[in-house]
Amino acid sequence: MEASERIDELLKYSNMSAKKFAEYIGIKTVQSLYDIQKGKIKNISNALAGKIANSFPEIKKEWLLTGSGEMLSTSPQTQTTKNEAVPFEFGSIMNVPLVNQYAYAGYLCGYSDPEYIEALPTIPFPVDREYKGQYICFEVKGDSMDDGSKYSFDQGDIVLCREISRDYWKTKLHIKQWNAFVIVHQTEGILIKQIIDHDVENGIITIHSLNPLYEDRQIHLSEVKMLFNVVKMQRNQ
């Protein structure tokens, strides 16, 4: 993978513009990122890779420098065993709007209304670093993502989700780097699923439930209002 492609992947992963990304990692000018994107600079320097790795510790420095292997060292999602709360790390708390299972229908109508979002209850979520982007929590409803394993999403669990900008739907989603997604469908409402395939050309995703009683099926992204990746989970106590 060329350095320009790696920068594009980083911007897609962080859900930031090049300018915001430069500010976030602490470099004085965005021009160096632009030069890499345009191919004027062929490699990511060790200094730049260090700043990126410091801001995003889950991203492999070797991948930044060479493009070899996987971008992420581990999945950013924190999985926990049954009846175990998400650990409190470094004393950081992020208060996030919560859509509980009884508010699913209302969210489908009000998701684009800032006043509706502001009126939602919030939930404190322990985090290990400052998160960038638009975040929201959903309470898990139903058993479609429960196969009895430690990777299950049980009814009542809370998932912390980051919005995936619609611009990024036009390129391949990072379906192997996230264990689950929240799909806000125009008629089916809020779906918590894995995405196992993304047909970019035709704008179709194939969704998968952990519960074997639910079959895989395809959804047209034209029918999707919002898309989130699940970055953390908190077990229902």
C-alpha atoms as a PDB file:
ATOM      1  CA  MET A   1       0.000   0.000   0.000  1.00  0.00           C
ATOM      2  CA  GLU A   2       1.400   3.372  -1.045  1.00  0.00           C
ATOM      3  CA  ALA A   3       1.894   6.157   1.496  1.00  0.00           C
ATOM      4  CA  SER A   4      -0.892   8.194  -0.134  1.00  0.00           C
ATOM      5  CA  GLU A   5      -3.295   5.278   0.336  1.00  0.00           C
ATOM      6  CA  ARG A   6      -2.256   4.932   3.978  1.00  0.00           C
ATOM      7  CA  ILE A   7      -3.052   8.597   4.625  1.00  0.00           C
ATOM      8  CA  ASP A   8      -6.437   8.143   2.956  1.00  0.00           C
ATOM      9  CA  GLU A   9      -7.093   5.106   5.166  1.00  0.00           C
ATOM     10  CA  LEU A  10      -6.147   7.081   8.278  1.00  0.00           C
ATOM     11  CA  LEU A  11      -8.514   9.924   7.408  1.00  0.00           C
ATOM     12  CA  LYS A  12     -11.281   7.445   6.748  1.00  0.00           C
ATOM     13  CA  TYR A  13     -10.575   5.610  10.009  1.00  0.00           C
ATOM     14  CA  SER A  14     -10.476   8.802  12.096  1.00  0.00           C
ATOM     15  CA  ASN A  15     -13.471  10.337  10.297  1.00  0.00           C
ATOM     16  CA  MET A  16     -11.538  13.624  10.013  1.00  0.00           C
ATOM     17  CA  SER A  17     -10.472  15.981   7.265  1.00  0.00           C
ATOM     18  CA  ALA A  18      -6.744  16.255   6.602  1.00  0.00           C
ATOM     19  CA  LYS A  19      -6.693  19.626   8.380  1.00  0.00           C
ATOM     20  CA  LYS A  20      -8.423  18.339  11.507  1.00  0.00           C
ATOM     21  CA  PHE A  21      -6.237  15.230  11.511  1.00  0.00           C
ATOM     22  CA  ALA A  22      -3.090  17.379  11.381  1.00  0.00           C
ATOM     23  CA  GLU A  23      -4.344  19.469  14.302  1.00  0.00           C
ATOM     24  CA  TYR A  24      -5.255  16.372  16.290  1.00  0.00           C
ATOM     25  CA  ILE A  25      -1.854  14.687  15.959  1.00  0.00           C
ATOM     26  CA  GLY A  26      -0.049  17.963  16.646  1.00  0.00           C
ATOM     27  CA  ILE A  27       1.707  18.886  13.405  1.00  0.00           C
ATOM     28  CA  LYS A  28       2.018  22.571  12.536  1.00  0.00           C
ATOM     29  CA  THR A  29       0.859  22.388   8.932  1.00  0.00           C
ATOM     30  CA  VAL A  30      -1.404  20.120   6.919  1.00  0.00           C
ATOM     31  CA  GLN A  31       0.744  20.570   3.812  1.00  0.00           C
ATOM     32  CA  SER A  32       2.861  17.500   4.545  1.00  0.00           C
ATOM     33  CA  LEU A  33      -0.289  15.354   4.495  1.00  0.00           C
ATOM     34  CA  TYR A  34      -1.421  16.951   1.239  1.00  0.00           C
ATOM     35  CA  ASP A  35       2.004  16.294  -0.299  1.00  0.00           C
ATOM     36  CA  ILE A  36       1.809  12.620   0.658  1.00  0.00           C
ATOM     37  CA  GLN A  37      -1.731  12.343  -0.718  1.00  0.00           C
ATOM     38  CA  LYS A  38      -0.625  13.894  -4.033  1.00  0.00           C
ATOM     39  CA  GLY A  39       2.423  11.635  -4.272  1.00  0.00           C
ATOM     40  CA  LYS A  40       4.946  14.465  -3.930  1.00  0.00           C
ATOM     41  CA  ILE A  41       6.262  12.758  -0.798  1.00  0.00           C
ATOM     42  CA  LYS A  42       6.542   9.000  -1.243  1.00  0.00           C
ATOM     43  CA  ASN A  43       6.982   7.909   2.370  1.00  0.00           C
ATOM     44  CA  ILE A  44       5.619   8.665   5.818  1.00  0.00           C
ATOM     45  CA  SER A  45       8.527   9.887   7.920  1.00  0.00           C
ATOM     46  CA  ASN A  46       9.445   8.295  11.219  1.00  0.00           C
ATOM     47  CA  ALA A  47       8.595  11.558  13.004  1.00  0.00           C
ATOM     48  CA  LEU A  48       5.130  11.746  11.433  1.00  0.00           C
ATOM     49  CA  ALA A  49       4.500   8.068  12.132  1.00  0.00           C
ATOM     50  CA  GLY A  50       5.444   8.663  15.761  1.00  0.00           C
ATOM     51  CA  LYS A  51       2.938  11.499  16.137  1.00  0.00           C
ATOM     52  CA  ILE A  52       0.188   9.401  14.558  1.00  0.00           C
ATOM     53  CA  ALA A  53       0.990   6.399  16.759  1.00  0.00           C
ATOM     54  CA  ASN A  54       0.998   8.575  19.883  1.00  0.00           C
ATOM     55  CA  SER A  55      -2.469   9.901  19.037  1.00  0.00           C
ATOM     56  CA  PHE A  56      -3.809   6.548  17.830  1.00  0.00           C
ATOM     57  CA  PRO A  57      -1.960   3.861  19.828  1.00  0.00           C
ATOM     58  CA  GLU A  58      -4.003   1.091  18.218  1.00  0.00           C
ATOM     59  CA  ILE A  59      -2.429   1.854  14.818  1.00  0.00           C
ATOM     60  CA  LYS A  60       0.752  -0.084  14.065  1.00  0.00           C
ATOM     61  CA  LYS A  61       3.818   2.052  13.447  1.00  0.00           C
ATOM     62  CA  GLU A  62       5.204  -0.601  11.081  1.00  0.00           C
ATOM     63  CA  TRP A  63       2.073  -0.253   8.928  1.00  0.00           C
ATOM     64  CA  LEU A  64       2.475   3.517   8.903  1.00  0.00           C
ATOM     65  CA  LEU A  65       6.075   3.265   7.733  1.00  0.00           C
ATOM     66  CA  THR A  66       5.853   0.344   5.302  1.00  0.00           C
ATOM     67  CA  GLY A  67       2.195  -0.399   4.568  1.00  0.00           C
ATOM     68  CA  SER A  68       2.705  -4.057   5.413  1.00  0.00           C
ATOM     69  CA  GLY A  69       0.354  -6.057   7.623  1.00  0.00           C
ATOM     70  CA  GLU A  70      -2.823  -4.806   9.281  1.00  0.00           C
ATOM     71  CA  MET A  71      -3.401  -1.175  10.226  1.00  0.00           C
ATOM     72  CA  LEU A  72      -4.687  -1.973  13.721  1.00  0.00           C
ATOM     73  CA  SER A  73      -2.774  -3.944  16.332  1.00  0.00           C
ATOM     74  CA  THR A  74      -5.986  -4.860  18.150  1.00  0.00           C
ATOM     75  CA  SER A  75      -9.647  -4.088  17.650  1.00  0.00           C
ATOM     76  CA  PRO A  76     -10.567  -0.767  19.297  1.00  0.00           C
ATOM     77  CA  GLN A  77     -13.733  -2.364  20.627  1.00  0.00           C
ATOM     78  CA  THR A  78     -13.529  -3.431  24.248  1.00  0.00           C
ATOM     79  CA  GLN A  79     -15.224  -6.784  24.789  1.00  0.00           C
ATOM     80  CA  THR A  80     -16.140  -7.932  28.276  1.00  0.00           C
ATOM     81  CA  THR A  81     -17.351 -11.143  29.773  1.00  0.00           C
ATOM     82  CA  LYS A  82     -20.857 -11.580  31.138  1.00  0.00           C
ATOM     83  CA  ASN A  83     -21.733  -9.303  34.061  1.00  0.00           C
ATOM     84  CA  GLU A  84     -18.416  -7.445  33.805  1.00  0.00           C
ATOM     85  CA  ALA A  85     -18.474  -3.677  33.420  1.00  0.00           C
ATOM     86  CA  VAL A  86     -16.218  -1.869  31.000  1.00  0.00           C
ATOM     87  CA  PRO A  87     -13.075  -0.929  32.990  1.00  0.00           C
ATOM     88  CA  PHE A  88     -12.500   2.670  34.055  1.00  0.00           C
ATOM     89  CA  GLU A  89      -9.240   3.710  32.393  1.00  0.00           C
ATOM     90  CA  PHE A  90      -7.161   6.773  33.252  1.00  0.00           C
ATOM     91  CA  GLY A  91     -10.116   8.533  34.843  1.00  0.00           C
ATOM     92  CA  SER A  92     -11.584   9.846  31.576  1.00  0.00           C
ATOM     93  CA  ILE A  93     -15.351  10.058  31.159  1.00  0.00           C
ATOM     94  CA  MET A  94     -17.317  10.931  28.042  1.00  0.00           C
ATOM     95  CA  ASN A  95     -20.997  11.777  28.458  1.00  0.00           C
ATOM     96  CA  VAL A  96     -22.811  10.435  25.411  1.00  0.00           C
ATOM     97  CA  PRO A  97     -26.465  10.688  24.306  1.00  0.00           C
ATOM     98  CA  LEU A  98     -28.288   7.394  24.885  1.00  0.00           C
ATOM     99  CA  VAL A  99     -31.019   5.898  22.711  1.00  0.00           C
ATOM    100  CA  ASN A 100     -32.638   3.183  24.810  1.00  0.00           C
ATOM    101  CA  GLN A 101     -34.678   0.418  23.221  1.00  0.00           C
ATOM    102  CA  TYR A 102     -37.942   2.240  23.904  1.00  0.00           C
ATOM    103  CA  ALA A 103     -36.697   5.299  21.981  1.00  0.00           C
ATOM    104  CA  TYR A 104     -35.790   3.426  18.785  1.00  0.00           C
ATOM    105  CA  ALA A 105     -38.860   4.622  16.871  1.00  0.00           C
ATOM    106  CA  GLY A 106     -38.394   8.217  17.991  1.00  0.00           C
ATOM    107  CA  TYR A 107     -34.750   8.239  16.925  1.00  0.00           C
ATOM    108  CA  LEU A 108     -35.685   7.231  13.386  1.00  0.00           C
ATOM    109  CA  CYS A 109     -37.739  10.423  13.136  1.00  0.00           C
ATOM    110  CA  GLY A 110     -35.492  12.752  15.135  1.00  0.00           C
ATOM    111  CA  TYR A 111     -31.921  11.657  14.338  1.00  0.00           C
ATOM    112  CA  SER A 112     -31.247  14.766  12.211  1.00  0.00           C
ATOM    113  CA  ASP A 113     -32.804  17.216  14.696  1.00  0.00           C
ATOM    114  CA  PRO A 114     -30.182  18.737  17.051  1.00  0.00           C
ATOM    115  CA  GLU A 115     -32.887  19.586  19.597  1.00  0.00           C
ATOM    116  CA  TYR A 116     -33.999  15.949  19.699  1.00  0.00           C
ATOM    117  CA  ILE A 117     -30.419  14.767  20.241  1.00  0.00           C
ATOM    118  CA  GLU A 118     -29.867  17.349  22.992  1.00  0.00           C
ATOM    119  CA  ALA A 119     -33.031  16.161  24.737  1.00  0.00           C
ATOM    120  CA  LEU A 120     -31.833  12.558  24.928  1.00  0.00           C
ATOM    121  CA  PRO A 121     -30.550  11.281  28.277  1.00  0.00           C
ATOM    122  CA  THR A 122     -26.796  10.900  28.512  1.00  0.00           C
ATOM    123  CA  ILE A 123     -24.694   8.100  29.894  1.00  0.00           C
ATOM    124  CA  PRO A 124     -21.132   8.411  31.263  1.00  0.00           C
ATOM    125  CA  PHE A 125     -18.777   6.152  29.334  1.00  0.00           C
ATOM    126  CA  PRO A 126     -15.245   5.455  30.623  1.00  0.00           C
ATOM    127  CA  VAL A 127     -12.717   5.952  27.812  1.00  0.00           C
ATOM    128  CA  ASP A 128      -8.959   5.574  27.557  1.00  0.00           C
ATOM    129  CA  ARG A 129      -8.323   8.595  25.313  1.00  0.00           C
ATOM    130  CA  GLU A 130     -10.029  11.606  23.760  1.00  0.00           C
ATOM    131  CA  TYR A 131     -12.369  10.486  21.005  1.00  0.00           C
ATOM    132  CA  LYS A 132     -13.028  12.578  17.905  1.00  0.00           C
ATOM    133  CA  GLY A 133     -16.195  12.470  15.823  1.00  0.00           C
ATOM    134  CA  GLN A 134     -19.916  12.159  16.457  1.00  0.00           C
ATOM    135  CA  TYR A 135     -20.799   9.611  19.139  1.00  0.00           C
ATOM    136  CA  ILE A 136     -24.007   8.124  20.462  1.00  0.00           C
ATOM    137  CA  CYS A 137     -24.964   5.120  22.590  1.00  0.00           C
ATOM    138  CA  PHE A 138     -27.655   2.578  21.796  1.00  0.00           C
ATOM    139  CA  GLU A 139     -29.234   0.035  24.110  1.00  0.00           C
ATOM    140  CA  VAL A 140     -29.258  -3.404  22.504  1.00  0.00           C
ATOM    141  CA  LYS A 141     -32.712  -4.757  21.703  1.00  0.00           C
ATOM    142  CA  GLY A 142     -33.533  -8.357  20.825  1.00  0.00           C
ATOM    143  CA  ASP A 143     -31.397 -11.491  20.512  1.00  0.00           C
ATOM    144  CA  SER A 144     -30.167 -11.390  16.912  1.00  0.00           C
ATOM    145  CA  MET A 145     -26.581 -10.708  18.048  1.00  0.00           C
ATOM    146  CA  ASP A 146     -26.575 -13.257  20.881  1.00  0.00           C
ATOM    147  CA  ASP A 147     -24.973 -16.615  20.144  1.00  0.00           C
ATOM    148  CA  GLY A 148     -24.023 -17.323  23.754  1.00  0.00           C
ATOM    149  CA  SER A 149     -20.358 -16.430  23.230  1.00  0.00           C
ATOM    150  CA  LYS A 150     -18.318 -13.689  24.868  1.00  0.00           C
ATOM    151  CA  TYR A 151     -18.697 -11.701  21.647  1.00  0.00           C
ATOM    152  CA  SER A 152     -22.481 -11.556  21.980  1.00  0.00           C
ATOM    153  CA  PHE A 153     -24.498  -8.381  22.276  1.00  0.00           C
ATOM    154  CA  ASP A 154     -27.226  -9.157  24.810  1.00  0.00           C
ATOM    155  CA  GLN A 155     -30.498  -7.304  25.288  1.00  0.00           C
ATOM    156  CA  GLY A 156     -29.876  -4.327  27.549  1.00  0.00           C
ATOM    157  CA  ASP A 157     -26.162  -3.998  26.764  1.00  0.00           C
ATOM    158  CA  ILE A 158     -25.029  -0.480  25.864  1.00  0.00           C
ATOM    159  CA  VAL A 159     -22.881   0.113  22.781  1.00  0.00           C
ATOM    160  CA  LEU A 160     -20.830   3.259  22.219  1.00  0.00           C
ATOM    161  CA  CYS A 161     -20.906   4.101  18.519  1.00  0.00           C
ATOM    162  CA  ARG A 162     -19.099   6.499  16.200  1.00  0.00           C
ATOM    163  CA  GLU A 163     -20.832   7.842  13.118  1.00  0.00           C
ATOM    164  CA  ILE A 164     -19.373   6.904   9.737  1.00  0.00           C
ATOM    165  CA  SER A 165     -19.715   9.893   7.436  1.00  0.00           C
ATOM    166  CA  ARG A 166     -21.767   9.203   4.311  1.00  0.00           C
ATOM    167  CA  ASP A 167     -18.776  10.240   2.178  1.00  0.00           C
ATOM    168  CA  TYR A 168     -16.982   7.098   3.351  1.00  0.00           C
ATOM    169  CA  TRP A 169     -19.801   4.808   2.253  1.00  0.00           C
ATOM    170  CA  LYS A 170     -18.555   5.297  -1.313  1.00  0.00           C
ATOM    171  CA  THR A 171     -15.344   3.415  -0.567  1.00  0.00           C
ATOM    172  CA  LYS A 172     -14.794   0.043   1.066  1.00  0.00           C
ATOM    173  CA  LEU A 173     -15.906   0.051   4.692  1.00  0.00           C
ATOM    174  CA  HIS A 174     -13.472  -1.271   7.314  1.00  0.00           C
ATOM    175  CA  ILE A 175     -15.656  -4.310   7.939  1.00  0.00           C
ATOM    176  CA  LYS A 176     -12.792  -6.481   9.235  1.00  0.00           C
ATOM    177  CA  GLN A 177     -11.619  -3.945  11.790  1.00  0.00           C
ATOM    178  CA  TRP A 178     -14.928  -3.546  13.624  1.00  0.00           C
ATOM    179  CA  ASN A 179     -16.874  -6.331  15.267  1.00  0.00           C
ATOM    180  CA  ALA A 180     -20.266  -4.694  14.767  1.00  0.00           C
ATOM    181  CA  PHE A 181     -22.111  -1.786  13.213  1.00  0.00           C
ATOM    182  CA  VAL A 182     -25.326   0.067  13.970  1.00  0.00           C
ATOM    183  CA  ILE A 183     -27.434   0.629  10.867  1.00  0.00           C
ATOM    184  CA  VAL A 184     -30.284   3.149  10.957  1.00  0.00           C
ATOM    185  CA  HIS A 185     -32.611   1.827   8.247  1.00  0.00           C
ATOM    186  CA  GLN A 186     -35.438   3.941   6.852  1.00  0.00           C
ATOM    187  CA  THR A 187     -38.094   1.241   7.393  1.00  0.00           C
ATOM    188  CA  GLU A 188     -36.533  -1.369   9.696  1.00  0.00           C
ATOM    189  CA  GLY A 189     -35.251   1.073  12.282  1.00  0.00           C
ATOM    190  CA  ILE A 190     -32.089   0.487  14.298  1.00  0.00           C
ATOM    191  CA  LEU A 191     -30.164  -2.689  13.491  1.00  0.00           C
ATOM    192  CA  ILE A 192     -27.049  -3.893  15.316  1.00  0.00           C
ATOM    193  CA  LYS A 193     -25.235  -6.282  12.986  1.00  0.00           C
ATOM    194  CA  GLN A 194     -21.939  -7.363  11.563  1.00  0.00           C
ATOM    195  CA  ILE A 195     -21.237  -6.286   7.986  1.00  0.00           C
ATOM    196  CA  ILE A 196     -19.561  -9.153   6.150  1.00  0.00           C
ATOM    197  CA  ASP A 197     -19.468  -7.698   2.641  1.00  0.00           C
ATOM    198  CA  HIS A 198     -19.658  -4.289   0.997  1.00  0.00           C
ATOM    199  CA  ASP A 199     -20.408  -4.083  -2.717  1.00  0.00           C
ATOM    200  CA  VAL A 200     -19.147  -0.553  -3.292  1.00  0.00           C
ATOM    201  CA  GLU A 201     -20.137  -0.356  -6.953  1.00  0.00           C
ATOM    202  CA  ASN A 202     -23.785  -1.210  -6.298  1.00  0.00           C
ATOM    203  CA  GLY A 203     -24.027   0.328  -2.823  1.00  0.00           C
ATOM    204  CA  ILE A 204     -25.051  -2.908  -1.099  1.00  0.00           C
ATOM    205  CA  ILE A 205     -23.959  -4.294   2.271  1.00  0.00           C
ATOM    206  CA  THR A 206     -24.459  -7.853   3.500  1.00  0.00           C
ATOM    207  CA  ILE A 207     -25.392  -8.005   7.175  1.00  0.00           C
ATOM    208  CA  HIS A 208     -24.832 -10.927   9.534  1.00  0.00           C
ATOM    209  CA  SER A 209     -26.319 -11.811  12.922  1.00  0.00           C
ATOM    210  CA  LEU A 210     -24.343 -13.809  15.492  1.00  0.00           C
ATOM    211  CA  ASN A 211     -27.508 -15.733  16.358  1.00  0.00           C
ATOM    212  CA  PRO A 212     -27.652 -18.576  13.780  1.00  0.00           C
ATOM    213  CA  LEU A 213     -31.453 -18.376  13.684  1.00  0.00           C
ATOM    214  CA  TYR A 214     -31.143 -15.155  11.660  1.00  0.00           C
ATOM    215  CA  GLU A 215     -30.039 -15.421   8.031  1.00  0.00           C
ATOM    216  CA  ASP A 216     -27.581 -13.124   6.284  1.00  0.00           C
ATOM    217  CA  ARG A 217     -29.216 -10.598   4.002  1.00  0.00           C
ATOM    218  CA  GLN A 218     -28.429  -7.613   1.828  1.00  0.00           C
ATOM    219  CA  ILE A 219     -29.335  -3.975   2.380  1.00  0.00           C
ATOM    220  CA  HIS A 220     -29.041  -1.117  -0.096  1.00  0.00           C
ATOM    221  CA  LEU A 221     -27.186   1.824   1.397  1.00  0.00           C
ATOM    222  CA  SER A 222     -29.708   4.105  -0.314  1.00  0.00           C
ATOM    223  CA  GLU A 223     -32.155   2.850   2.349  1.00  0.00           C
ATOM    224  CA  VAL A 224     -29.784   3.646   5.222  1.00  0.00           C
ATOM    225  CA  LYS A 225     -30.104   6.949   7.082  1.00  0.00           C
ATOM    226  CA  MET A 226     -27.037   6.664   9.317  1.00  0.00           C
ATOM    227  CA  LEU A 227     -24.221   4.201   9.875  1.00  0.00           C
ATOM    228  CA  PHE A 228     -22.073   3.750  12.981  1.00  0.00           C
ATOM    229  CA  ASN A 229     -19.262   1.451  14.045  1.00  0.00           C
ATOM    230  CA  VAL A 230     -19.358   0.030  17.565  1.00  0.00           C
ATOM    231  CA  VAL A 231     -16.216   1.074  19.433  1.00  0.00           C
ATOM    232  CA  LYS A 232     -17.030  -0.041  22.983  1.00  0.00           C
ATOM    233  CA  MET A 233     -19.605  -2.093  24.819  1.00  0.00           C
ATOM    234  CA  GLN A 234     -20.889  -2.010  28.386  1.00  0.00           C
ATOM    235  CA  ARG A 235     -22.626  -5.101  29.700  1.00  0.00           C
ATOM    236  CA  ASN A 236     -26.093  -4.910  31.192  1.00  0.00           C
ATOM    237  CA  GLN A 237     -25.740  -5.491  34.924  1.00  0.00           C
END
